[in-house]
Structures are given as structure tokens and as C-alpha cells.
């Protein structure tokens, strides 16, 4: 009898232990929350998902020629049955971009990957998406003021501005005109990256004691507006009243160089910066018209954006093997992936852009630039 009674006691103790373990398990789950234990959507849930990719403009070739195909390629790699809904706001048109975002949501997009025309105005887009349970990934430029921005894929804008300025100073030193002031043509004040490029370049010039003669924020990053501003400055300061010209990107650089050439100024005597490393910039650099550009491996950046979108859709932490940080958009600290950048001049263009597989000699060395390519040791 005693033995039988002992067996019952052991059984009761086991039941109490199991009950306690259940309580502890439930308590830990409650404390940790869903963020600590990512849940992955089933493959059935992720079939035929629509992913919207919203770009800000087509004036700069890179968005349509590089970002778009690289993004689509990576999505297809991650999800062969998914569909990319592609939109372009054409000329940095914020109202148009909002209409396109609304169209994407109406078409059933489950996530928006957005390079905003206006980072602050894009809060409306993020909030509209939130109402439909659709998350947003910011690409290149931060979307401000919304907790619905779940990830951000970008670059170190301040460091890029610094790299541009330092390269221009090396160029003016080589030409013996480092004592002359610089002109600065920035990007649009509506985009977060333009402000970062500006800060990095301004700080570098000021630290080196370089005088900034005049500055201009280019509405919509429009090359024609950059060209018109340069026309005014040439009239105001003369053909030789300045040294280098800081251009925030390749489009503004093209406008500045066109203005110089129209005024009979040799651009090779006034170093001009750039950014994006597209074919037109590469050709201008080889021809000696543009001094430098910033190369960001857009194949990698677009792939990071696609992967980030897939991670967010699957409620997973960002998985890209790249520097991770956070960016405060005024609503919360957005998980951020930072893409690296390289300063390119004629000296390393071939190694980085062609030998690196980013572009081909055939693309750059068109008939008008064959001689420049030959001089740089580039053969088709």
C-alpha cells in the first residue's frame, strides 16, 4: 500500500512540474514577444506576391538602367513567382509618386520599396500603406515620420560628400589652382541624401580652408536647372573666377559641364565632381571633361533592397551581409543597411568599373570616345 501511495505522489509531482513548465514557457513567450522569435511566412503565403518598386526620376540613367533590373533580378532569385510592380515619378514629381503608390496598393502590392521624391511628403505614402497592413522599405532616401518604414537601404551620404570634396581638392592642387574658390551645386532640398552630401562636402572644404564662392540647391536634381545656374555664375564671376565645381551627382555634373563648354571654358581646367558612375560620367571622365565620380555598386545596393523587402515580408531580421545600423526618421530608429562607395577618377576607372564587371568597354567606348579609351588603356 505504501508503495502504491508513493507511485501516486510521484505522478502528481510530474503533473505539477509539467504545469509549471507550461506557465514558464507562456511567460517567456509573453516577455520576449514576436520580435525576439521571428515568424516566417509559409511558402504558400508568399506565392505570387506583388512587390512595388517606386523610383523618383528618369533624368538620371541609373534608376532605369541599373537599379530596376538589378532589383527585379534579385526578387526573381528570392521568389520566382513574385511580381515586381515598377513605377517612376519621372521628374521628381511628389504628387505623381503618391498617385503611383496608391495605384500599387490598389493593385494588391504587399510591400512598397520606395525611393522618395520628398522624404517628408512620403510620410503620407507610408501611412496609407500602413492602413492596408503594407510595410515600406526606404531605398536611397529616408522616408520621414512613419513607423511603417521597416527598413532602409542607403549609403553614408556625409562620407560621400567628403570623398567628393577631397578628390576635387586633389584635382585643383594638381592644376595649381587650389587657391581659387569653389562653386557648389547640390541636389534637391526635399531629399535626405542631398543634405548629407552637402554637409560632408562643406565640412571638408571648410576644414581645408577652401572658400565657397556660391551654392545652389537644384530643384528636382534637374540637370537643366544646374546648367542654368552655372550660366549665371559664369556671367557673374567670369570664366576664370572659380576653381573646382562641386556637383552632387552625375546629372548636375552634366549640366555644369555643358554650361562651361557653351561659354568656351575648358572643363578639364576646372575639376567637376559627380556621383552614380553611369556611362555618361565614365565617358566624360575619360575625355577629361569631368574629374571624378562616386561609384556605389548599384547591383549590390538594389539586391540589398530586394533582400530587405523579402526579409520584411517574411518578418525576419535584415539578412544582408553588410554594415548595419539604424536611422532616426523622427518616428523611430529604422533598421538600416549601408552600401559602400568608391571615389573614381581616370586613374582607377577601368579597374573598378570595367574589370569589376560593372560595365563593359563596348558600352563606354562608343565611336566618340574610342580615342579617350585607347589613351586610358581600355580596349573593346
Protein backbone atom coordinates (compact mmCIF):
# COMPACT_ATOMS: atom_id res chain seq x y z
CA UNK A 1 0.00 0.00 0.00
CA UNK A 2 2.77 2.41 0.88
CA UNK A 3 4.46 1.60 -2.40
CA UNK A 4 1.22 2.27 -4.31
CA UNK A 5 0.76 5.57 -2.47
CA UNK A 6 4.34 6.60 -3.35
CA UNK A 7 3.61 5.98 -7.03
CA UNK A 8 0.62 8.32 -6.89
CA UNK A 9 2.75 11.01 -5.24
CA UNK A 10 5.40 10.75 -8.00
CA UNK A 11 2.70 11.01 -10.67
CA UNK A 12 1.20 14.09 -9.02
CA UNK A 13 4.66 15.72 -8.80
CA UNK A 14 5.26 15.10 -12.51
CA UNK A 15 1.94 16.74 -13.35
CA UNK A 16 2.80 19.77 -11.21
CA UNK A 17 6.23 20.09 -12.91
CA UNK A 18 4.65 19.88 -16.38
CA UNK A 19 2.11 22.52 -15.44
CA UNK A 20 4.87 24.75 -14.10
CA UNK A 21 6.88 24.35 -17.32
CA UNK A 22 3.84 25.36 -19.38
CA UNK A 23 3.37 28.51 -17.26
CA UNK A 24 7.06 29.41 -17.51
CA UNK A 25 7.03 28.82 -21.27
CA UNK A 26 4.00 31.05 -21.73
CA UNK A 27 5.54 33.71 -19.54
CA UNK A 28 8.80 33.72 -21.54
CA UNK A 29 6.91 33.97 -24.81
CA UNK A 30 4.99 36.94 -23.46
CA UNK A 31 8.19 38.66 -22.27
CA UNK A 32 10.19 38.04 -25.43
CA UNK A 33 7.42 38.98 -27.85
CA UNK A 34 7.22 38.16 -31.53
CA UNK A 35 10.24 40.35 -32.42
CA UNK A 36 12.57 38.06 -30.50
CA UNK A 37 11.30 34.96 -32.27
CA UNK A 38 10.82 35.89 -35.95
CA UNK A 39 7.97 34.14 -37.67
CA UNK A 40 8.48 33.16 -41.29
CA UNK A 41 5.51 33.25 -43.62
CA UNK A 42 4.74 29.93 -45.24
CA UNK A 43 5.75 29.39 -48.85
CA UNK A 44 2.08 29.20 -49.72
CA UNK A 45 1.55 32.69 -48.31
CA UNK A 46 4.42 34.06 -50.39
CA UNK A 47 3.44 32.72 -53.80
CA UNK A 48 2.50 35.33 -56.42
CA UNK A 49 3.23 38.23 -54.05
CA UNK A 50 3.32 41.69 -55.66
CA UNK A 51 6.24 43.91 -54.65
CA UNK A 52 6.14 47.58 -55.67
CA UNK A 53 9.38 49.37 -56.59
CA UNK A 54 8.86 53.14 -56.76
CA UNK A 55 11.66 55.27 -58.25
CA UNK A 56 11.89 59.08 -58.22
CA UNK A 57 13.03 60.05 -61.72
CA UNK A 58 14.30 59.00 -65.12
CA UNK A 59 16.52 62.04 -65.80
CA UNK A 60 19.46 60.16 -64.30
CA UNK A 61 20.03 56.94 -66.28
CA UNK A 62 20.96 54.77 -63.31
CA UNK A 63 17.45 54.29 -61.90
CA UNK A 64 16.00 52.66 -65.01
CA UNK A 65 19.19 51.14 -66.42
CA UNK A 66 20.68 49.76 -63.21
CA UNK A 67 18.54 49.86 -60.07
CA UNK A 68 15.40 48.50 -61.72
CA UNK A 69 16.85 45.42 -63.48
CA UNK A 70 19.11 44.53 -60.54
CA UNK A 71 16.20 44.78 -58.11
CA UNK A 72 13.95 42.67 -60.32
CA UNK A 73 16.67 40.06 -60.81
CA UNK A 74 17.18 39.63 -57.08
CA UNK A 75 13.44 39.38 -56.39
CA UNK A 76 13.13 36.65 -59.02
CA UNK A 77 16.03 34.84 -57.38
CA UNK A 78 14.33 35.01 -53.98
CA UNK A 79 10.79 34.40 -55.25
CA UNK A 80 10.37 33.15 -58.84
CA UNK A 81 6.59 33.51 -58.66
CA UNK A 82 6.57 37.07 -57.28
CA UNK A 83 5.79 40.10 -59.43
CA UNK A 84 7.55 43.46 -59.30
CA UNK A 85 5.27 46.44 -59.93
CA UNK A 86 7.60 49.16 -61.22
CA UNK A 87 6.81 52.89 -61.12
CA UNK A 88 8.84 56.03 -61.88
CA UNK A 89 7.88 59.56 -60.82
CA UNK A 90 9.76 60.78 -63.94
CA UNK A 91 10.91 64.25 -62.90
CA UNK A 92 10.96 64.07 -59.09
CA UNK A 93 7.20 64.65 -59.00
CA UNK A 94 5.99 64.02 -55.43
CA UNK A 95 2.30 64.17 -56.33
CA UNK A 96 2.82 61.68 -59.14
CA UNK A 97 4.73 59.36 -56.83
CA UNK A 98 1.87 59.39 -54.32
CA UNK A 99 -0.58 58.52 -57.11
CA UNK A 100 1.69 55.66 -58.17
CA UNK A 101 1.90 54.38 -54.59
CA UNK A 102 -1.89 54.45 -54.34
CA UNK A 103 -2.07 52.54 -57.63
CA UNK A 104 0.37 49.94 -56.30
CA UNK A 105 -1.70 49.46 -53.15
CA UNK A 106 -4.88 49.18 -55.21
CA UNK A 107 -3.16 46.56 -57.38
CA UNK A 108 -2.50 44.45 -54.29
CA UNK A 109 1.15 45.18 -53.53
CA UNK A 110 2.17 43.56 -50.23
CA UNK A 111 5.20 45.80 -49.71
CA UNK A 112 6.43 49.14 -51.10
CA UNK A 113 10.14 49.68 -51.79
CA UNK A 114 10.27 53.45 -52.10
CA UNK A 115 12.96 55.90 -53.16
CA UNK A 116 11.03 59.04 -52.19
CA UNK A 117 10.91 62.23 -54.19
CA UNK A 118 10.31 64.12 -50.96
CA UNK A 119 11.23 62.31 -47.75
CA UNK A 120 8.83 64.30 -45.58
CA UNK A 121 5.90 64.23 -48.00
CA UNK A 122 6.39 60.47 -48.40
CA UNK A 123 5.07 60.02 -44.84
CA UNK A 124 1.60 60.19 -46.46
CA UNK A 125 2.52 57.19 -48.63
CA UNK A 126 3.85 55.22 -45.67
CA UNK A 127 0.74 56.00 -43.63
CA UNK A 128 -1.59 54.99 -46.48
CA UNK A 129 0.29 51.72 -46.77
CA UNK A 130 0.08 51.18 -43.01
CA UNK A 131 -3.72 51.34 -43.15
CA UNK A 132 -3.64 48.39 -45.54
CA UNK A 133 -1.09 46.49 -43.48
CA UNK A 134 1.57 47.02 -46.16
CA UNK A 135 5.11 47.75 -44.88
CA UNK A 136 7.57 50.16 -46.54
CA UNK A 137 11.28 49.79 -47.25
CA UNK A 138 13.04 53.10 -47.94
CA UNK A 139 15.65 52.97 -50.70
CA UNK A 140 18.47 55.51 -51.10
CA UNK A 141 16.50 58.26 -49.33
CA UNK A 142 14.83 58.04 -45.94
CA UNK A 143 11.05 58.31 -45.56
CA UNK A 144 10.44 60.53 -42.55
CA UNK A 145 7.94 60.44 -39.71
CA UNK A 146 6.42 56.96 -40.05
CA UNK A 147 6.87 53.79 -38.01
CA UNK A 148 5.68 51.86 -41.03
CA UNK A 149 9.14 52.27 -42.58
CA UNK A 150 10.53 48.88 -41.58
CA UNK A 151 13.96 49.04 -43.25
CA UNK A 152 16.24 51.50 -45.03
CA UNK A 153 18.90 50.69 -47.64
CA UNK A 154 21.29 53.57 -48.27
CA UNK A 155 24.88 54.81 -48.28
CA UNK A 156 26.94 57.04 -46.00
CA UNK A 157 25.97 60.39 -47.50
CA UNK A 158 28.25 62.51 -45.32
CA UNK A 159 31.25 60.34 -46.19
CA UNK A 160 30.40 60.53 -49.90
CA UNK A 161 30.27 64.34 -49.78
CA UNK A 162 33.65 64.32 -48.05
CA UNK A 163 35.09 61.97 -50.69
CA UNK A 164 33.85 64.26 -53.47
CA UNK A 165 35.40 67.35 -51.88
CA UNK A 166 38.75 65.69 -51.11
CA UNK A 167 39.01 64.42 -54.68
CA UNK A 168 38.27 67.88 -56.09
CA UNK A 169 40.93 69.40 -53.84
CA UNK A 170 43.45 66.88 -55.18
CA UNK A 171 42.44 67.93 -58.68
CA UNK A 172 42.86 71.67 -58.07
CA UNK A 173 46.22 71.05 -56.40
CA UNK A 174 47.47 69.15 -59.44
CA UNK A 175 46.34 72.03 -61.67
CA UNK A 176 47.89 74.67 -59.41
CA UNK A 177 44.55 76.39 -58.71
CA UNK A 178 43.94 75.29 -55.13
CA UNK A 179 43.84 78.95 -54.04
CA UNK A 180 40.69 79.59 -56.06
CA UNK A 181 37.19 79.35 -54.50
CA UNK A 182 34.76 76.56 -55.34
CA UNK A 183 31.19 76.64 -56.60
CA UNK A 184 28.77 74.10 -55.15
CA UNK A 185 25.74 72.63 -56.93
CA UNK A 186 23.79 70.44 -54.52
CA UNK A 187 20.84 68.13 -55.01
CA UNK A 188 17.21 68.80 -54.13
CA UNK A 189 16.42 70.07 -50.63
CA UNK A 190 13.47 67.66 -50.49
CA UNK A 191 15.69 64.57 -50.35
CA UNK A 192 17.54 63.40 -47.26
CA UNK A 193 20.63 62.25 -49.12
CA UNK A 194 21.26 65.67 -50.71
CA UNK A 195 21.56 67.26 -47.27
CA UNK A 196 24.11 64.63 -46.22
CA UNK A 197 26.24 65.03 -49.36
CA UNK A 198 26.17 68.79 -48.81
CA UNK A 199 27.27 68.54 -45.19
CA UNK A 200 30.14 66.18 -45.95
CA UNK A 201 31.48 68.33 -48.77
CA UNK A 202 31.04 71.65 -46.95
CA UNK A 203 32.79 70.33 -43.84
CA UNK A 204 35.72 69.02 -45.89
CA UNK A 205 36.17 72.30 -47.79
CA UNK A 206 35.93 74.38 -44.62
CA UNK A 207 38.37 72.14 -42.76
CA UNK A 208 40.88 72.64 -45.58
CA UNK A 209 40.33 76.41 -45.67
CA UNK A 210 38.81 76.36 -49.16
CA UNK A 211 36.50 79.31 -49.83
CA UNK A 212 33.00 78.50 -51.08
CA UNK A 213 32.13 81.20 -53.62
CA UNK A 214 28.43 80.33 -54.09
CA UNK A 215 26.00 77.43 -53.59
CA UNK A 216 22.82 76.24 -55.26
CA UNK A 217 20.22 73.61 -54.32
CA UNK A 218 18.99 72.06 -57.57
CA UNK A 219 15.18 71.67 -57.65
CA UNK A 220 14.33 68.08 -58.54
CA UNK A 221 18.01 67.33 -59.25
CA UNK A 222 17.26 68.74 -62.71
CA UNK A 223 20.40 68.96 -64.93
CA UNK A 224 18.86 71.82 -66.92
CA UNK A 225 18.45 73.89 -63.73
CA UNK A 226 22.05 73.15 -62.73
CA UNK A 227 23.16 74.28 -66.19
CA UNK A 228 21.13 77.49 -65.96
CA UNK A 229 22.64 78.29 -62.56
CA UNK A 230 26.15 77.70 -63.88
CA UNK A 231 25.39 80.04 -66.77
CA UNK A 232 24.53 82.76 -64.25
CA UNK A 233 27.67 82.17 -62.23
CA UNK A 234 29.91 82.35 -65.30
CA UNK A 235 28.32 85.71 -66.16
CA UNK A 236 28.68 86.88 -62.55
CA UNK A 237 32.17 85.64 -61.67
CA UNK A 238 33.80 85.35 -65.08
CA UNK A 239 35.27 82.40 -66.92
CA UNK A 240 38.22 82.07 -64.56
CA UNK A 241 36.84 83.38 -61.28
CA UNK A 242 36.49 79.93 -59.72
CA UNK A 243 38.43 76.72 -59.34
CA UNK A 244 36.56 73.45 -58.89
CA UNK A 245 32.82 72.94 -59.18
CA UNK A 246 31.17 70.56 -56.75
CA UNK A 247 28.29 68.65 -58.38
CA UNK A 248 26.28 66.35 -56.14
CA UNK A 249 25.55 63.77 -58.85
CA UNK A 250 26.11 62.88 -62.48
CA UNK A 251 23.07 64.74 -63.78
CA UNK A 252 24.07 68.07 -62.24
CA UNK A 253 27.67 67.47 -63.36
CA UNK A 254 26.46 67.07 -66.93
CA UNK A 255 24.59 70.37 -66.75
CA UNK A 256 27.61 72.20 -65.31
CA UNK A 257 29.97 70.83 -67.95
CA UNK A 258 27.53 71.71 -70.75
CA UNK A 259 27.41 75.27 -69.42
CA UNK A 260 31.19 75.56 -69.36
CA UNK A 261 31.58 74.23 -72.88
CA UNK A 262 28.89 76.61 -74.19
CA UNK A 263 30.82 79.51 -72.62
CA UNK A 264 34.10 78.38 -74.20
CA UNK A 265 35.56 77.15 -70.90
CA UNK A 266 37.75 74.03 -70.91
CA UNK A 267 36.19 71.76 -68.22
CA UNK A 268 39.50 69.96 -67.74
CA UNK A 269 40.85 73.17 -66.17
CA UNK A 270 38.09 73.24 -63.56
CA UNK A 271 37.61 69.86 -61.80
CA UNK A 272 33.97 68.81 -61.56
CA UNK A 273 32.70 66.09 -59.22
CA UNK A 274 29.80 63.69 -59.75
CA UNK A 275 28.09 60.60 -58.44
CA UNK A 276 26.41 57.43 -59.79
CA UNK A 277 29.20 56.32 -62.15
CA UNK A 278 26.90 55.84 -65.12
CA UNK A 279 28.10 55.51 -68.72
CA UNK A 280 27.87 59.23 -69.47
CA UNK A 281 30.00 60.07 -66.45
CA UNK A 282 32.57 57.43 -67.33
CA UNK A 283 32.84 58.87 -70.85
CA UNK A 284 33.24 62.43 -69.56
CA UNK A 285 35.94 61.31 -67.12
CA UNK A 286 37.89 59.50 -69.85
CA UNK A 287 37.55 62.57 -72.10
CA UNK A 288 38.90 64.80 -69.32
CA UNK A 289 35.69 66.82 -69.00
CA UNK A 290 34.72 65.53 -65.55
CA UNK A 291 37.30 64.94 -62.86
CA UNK A 292 35.66 62.30 -60.68
CA UNK A 293 32.53 60.44 -59.68
CA UNK A 294 31.37 58.30 -56.79
CA UNK A 295 30.90 54.64 -57.55
CA UNK A 296 28.34 52.79 -55.49
CA UNK A 297 27.84 49.19 -56.56
CA UNK A 298 24.19 49.61 -57.50
CA UNK A 299 23.92 45.94 -58.38
CA UNK A 300 24.65 45.27 -54.73
CA UNK A 301 22.50 48.13 -53.40
CA UNK A 302 19.45 47.09 -55.43
CA UNK A 303 19.96 43.48 -54.36
CA UNK A 304 20.14 44.62 -50.74
CA UNK A 305 16.83 46.47 -51.19
CA UNK A 306 15.19 43.40 -52.71
CA UNK A 307 16.53 41.17 -49.95
CA UNK A 308 15.42 43.63 -47.28
CA UNK A 309 11.92 43.66 -48.75
CA UNK A 310 11.85 39.86 -48.71
CA UNK A 311 13.08 39.79 -45.10
CA UNK A 312 10.42 42.29 -44.03
CA UNK A 313 7.70 40.32 -45.84
CA UNK A 314 8.82 37.18 -44.02
CA UNK A 315 9.09 39.02 -40.68
CA UNK A 316 12.80 38.22 -40.45
CA UNK A 317 15.73 40.42 -39.32
CA UNK A 318 17.69 42.02 -42.16
CA UNK A 319 19.96 39.30 -43.52
CA UNK A 320 22.26 41.13 -45.97
CA UNK A 321 25.95 40.75 -45.13
CA UNK A 322 26.74 44.46 -44.99
CA UNK A 323 27.21 47.17 -42.37
CA UNK A 324 24.05 47.52 -40.29
CA UNK A 325 22.97 50.49 -38.19
CA UNK A 326 19.79 52.48 -37.51
CA UNK A 327 18.49 55.79 -38.90
CA UNK A 328 16.16 58.04 -36.92
CA UNK A 329 13.29 59.12 -39.17
CA UNK A 330 11.56 61.10 -36.43
CA UNK A 331 9.19 58.28 -35.58
CA UNK A 332 11.62 55.52 -34.69
CA UNK A 333 15.10 54.14 -35.38
CA UNK A 334 14.78 52.37 -38.72
CA UNK A 335 16.99 49.27 -39.23
CA UNK A 336 19.48 50.35 -41.90
CA UNK A 337 21.84 48.70 -44.39
CA UNK A 338 24.74 50.87 -45.60
CA UNK A 339 26.22 50.30 -49.06
CA UNK A 340 29.94 51.17 -49.57
CA UNK A 341 31.28 53.76 -52.02
CA UNK A 342 34.49 54.31 -54.01
CA UNK A 343 35.93 57.53 -55.45
CA UNK A 344 36.65 57.12 -59.19
CA UNK A 345 38.95 59.18 -61.40
CA UNK A 346 40.53 58.36 -64.75
CA UNK A 347 43.29 56.52 -62.87
CA UNK A 348 41.07 53.73 -61.45
CA UNK A 349 38.00 53.82 -63.71
CA UNK A 350 38.98 50.78 -65.77
CA UNK A 351 39.84 48.68 -62.71
CA UNK A 352 36.66 49.48 -60.80
CA UNK A 353 34.01 49.78 -63.49
CA UNK A 354 35.16 47.51 -66.33
CA UNK A 355 37.46 44.94 -64.72
CA UNK A 356 35.00 44.78 -61.82
CA UNK A 357 32.23 43.73 -64.21
CA UNK A 358 30.05 46.79 -63.57
CA UNK A 359 30.04 47.84 -67.22
CA UNK A 360 31.82 46.92 -70.44
CA UNK A 361 34.36 48.63 -72.66
CA UNK A 362 31.89 48.34 -75.53
CA UNK A 363 29.31 50.36 -73.60
CA UNK A 364 31.74 53.16 -72.77
CA UNK A 365 33.98 53.21 -75.84
CA UNK A 366 31.49 54.38 -78.44
CA UNK A 367 33.00 55.99 -81.59
CA UNK A 368 33.14 59.45 -80.00
CA UNK A 369 35.18 58.10 -77.07
CA UNK A 370 37.38 55.47 -78.76
CA UNK A 371 40.47 57.70 -78.67
CA UNK A 372 39.93 58.52 -74.98
CA UNK A 373 39.53 54.82 -74.21
CA UNK A 374 42.70 53.92 -76.10
CA UNK A 375 44.64 56.61 -74.22
CA UNK A 376 43.37 55.12 -70.93
CA UNK A 377 44.39 51.62 -71.94
CA UNK A 378 40.83 50.42 -72.47
CA UNK A 379 40.18 48.13 -75.43
CA UNK A 380 36.83 46.92 -76.72
